[in-house]
Amino acid sequence: QVQLVESGGGLVQAGGSLRLSCAGSGIIVTVGTMGWYRQAPGKQRESVALFTDSGLTIYANSVKGRFTISRDNAKNTVYLQMNSLKPEDTAVYYCNAPRPVDDYWGKGIQVTVSS
């Protein structure tokens, strides 16, 4: 059974940092396309950061220079380091692994940035 489990969310003040983790079970998350998405209340889910199939990284304009996506092969985990957080970063963050057989999503984790 494939599972993606996010952790590391929480409440932080503006300007602070958080590191989200996405641990894969039954799936290798350190190769292939992997992405972090977020959904704020009343808004559509949007892409935040992405590892492409070839290992390139793509970031939303709103997080460039503040967020970094990375991965640890030994832990089969993908990370999202979030620095200089802003209240507008408040959202539920999801890990995504699109694969030929299915499009896998984690359950999401709340990130709240207070002003």
Protein backbone atom coordinates (compact mmCIF):
# COMPACT_ATOMS: atom_id res chain seq x y z
CA GLN A 1 0.00 0.00 0.00
CA VAL A 2 1.36 3.37 -1.01
CA GLN A 3 1.40 6.10 1.58
CA LEU A 4 2.79 9.61 1.69
CA VAL A 5 2.95 11.03 5.19
CA GLU A 6 3.59 14.70 5.80
CA SER A 7 4.97 16.06 9.05
CA GLY A 8 6.57 19.19 10.41
CA GLY A 9 3.72 21.64 10.13
CA GLY A 10 2.42 23.89 12.86
CA LEU A 11 2.05 27.47 14.00
CA VAL A 12 4.88 29.93 13.46
CA GLN A 13 5.25 33.69 13.58
CA ALA A 14 5.86 35.69 10.43
CA GLY A 15 9.53 35.60 9.51
CA GLY A 16 9.99 32.18 11.03
CA SER A 17 10.86 28.84 9.47
CA LEU A 18 9.44 25.36 9.22
CA ARG A 19 10.62 22.21 7.51
CA LEU A 20 8.00 19.87 6.12
CA SER A 21 8.78 16.22 5.51
CA CYS A 22 7.08 13.76 3.18
CA ALA A 23 7.95 10.17 3.96
CA GLY A 24 7.11 7.52 1.39
CA SER A 25 5.89 4.04 2.19
CA GLY A 26 5.43 1.55 -0.64
CA ILE A 27 6.79 4.14 -3.05
CA ILE A 28 10.17 5.67 -3.74
CA VAL A 29 9.87 9.42 -3.40
CA THR A 30 13.49 10.28 -4.09
CA VAL A 31 13.28 9.57 -7.80
CA GLY A 32 10.80 10.78 -10.33
CA THR A 33 8.54 13.78 -10.12
CA MET A 34 7.65 14.92 -6.62
CA GLY A 35 5.80 18.01 -5.60
CA TRP A 36 4.57 20.09 -2.72
CA TYR A 37 1.21 21.79 -3.07
CA ARG A 38 -0.86 23.94 -0.77
CA GLN A 39 -4.46 24.97 -0.39
CA ALA A 40 -5.57 27.98 1.57
CA PRO A 41 -9.18 28.37 2.77
CA GLY A 42 -11.44 29.35 -0.11
CA LYS A 43 -8.68 28.98 -2.67
CA GLN A 44 -7.67 26.35 -5.20
CA ARG A 45 -4.80 23.99 -4.55
CA GLU A 46 -1.60 25.40 -6.02
CA SER A 47 1.85 24.09 -6.78
CA VAL A 48 4.56 25.31 -4.42
CA ALA A 49 7.70 23.38 -5.33
CA LEU A 50 8.48 20.54 -7.66
CA PHE A 51 11.21 18.05 -8.49
CA THR A 52 10.90 17.16 -12.17
CA ASP A 53 11.66 13.73 -13.60
CA SER A 54 15.12 14.96 -14.53
CA GLY A 55 15.81 16.34 -11.07
CA LEU A 56 15.24 20.02 -11.82
CA THR A 57 13.47 22.13 -9.23
CA ILE A 58 10.62 24.50 -9.99
CA TYR A 59 9.14 26.96 -7.54
CA ALA A 60 6.07 29.12 -7.49
CA ASN A 61 6.98 32.79 -7.88
CA SER A 62 5.48 33.52 -4.48
CA VAL A 63 7.98 31.26 -2.69
CA LYS A 64 11.14 31.65 -4.79
CA GLY A 65 14.13 32.47 -2.64
CA ARG A 66 12.29 31.44 0.55
CA PHE A 67 11.40 27.76 0.06
CA THR A 68 13.69 24.90 -0.88
CA ILE A 69 12.70 21.39 -1.91
CA SER A 70 15.17 18.61 -1.22
CA ARG A 71 15.27 14.86 -0.72
CA ASP A 72 17.10 12.25 1.33
CA ASN A 73 17.57 8.95 -0.48
CA ALA A 74 18.47 7.05 2.68
CA LYS A 75 15.27 8.12 4.41
CA ASN A 76 13.06 7.99 1.30
CA THR A 77 11.85 11.45 2.27
CA VAL A 78 11.27 14.72 0.46
CA TYR A 79 11.52 17.98 2.37
CA LEU A 80 10.26 21.50 2.00
CA GLN A 81 12.32 24.04 3.91
CA MET A 82 10.28 27.18 4.36
CA ASN A 83 12.01 30.35 5.51
CA SER A 84 10.85 33.93 5.94
CA LEU A 85 7.30 32.72 6.28
CA LYS A 86 4.46 35.14 5.65
CA PRO A 87 0.83 35.04 6.78
CA GLU A 88 -0.16 34.37 3.17
CA ASP A 89 1.76 31.08 3.34
CA THR A 90 -0.93 29.79 5.70
CA ALA A 91 -2.46 26.71 4.11
CA VAL A 92 -2.71 22.95 4.19
CA TYR A 93 0.39 21.58 2.49
CA TYR A 94 0.27 18.35 0.50
CA CYS A 95 2.92 16.05 -0.84
CA ASN A 96 2.30 14.63 -4.33
CA ALA A 97 3.86 11.78 -6.28
CA PRO A 98 2.47 11.43 -9.79
CA ARG A 99 3.18 7.96 -11.11
CA PRO A 100 2.04 6.07 -14.23
CA VAL A 101 -0.23 3.82 -12.18
CA ASP A 102 -1.77 6.53 -10.01
CA ASP A 103 -1.48 10.04 -8.65
CA TYR A 104 -0.56 9.76 -5.00
CA TRP A 105 -1.28 12.42 -2.38
CA GLY A 106 -0.60 12.73 1.29
CA LYS A 107 -3.39 13.73 3.68
CA GLY A 108 -1.93 17.18 4.12
CA ILE A 109 -0.57 19.13 7.04
CA GLN A 110 -1.55 22.52 8.38
CA VAL A 111 0.89 25.42 8.33
CA THR A 112 -0.29 28.59 10.05
CA VAL A 113 1.75 31.79 9.98
CA SER A 114 0.69 34.48 12.43
CA SER A 115 1.34 38.16 11.82
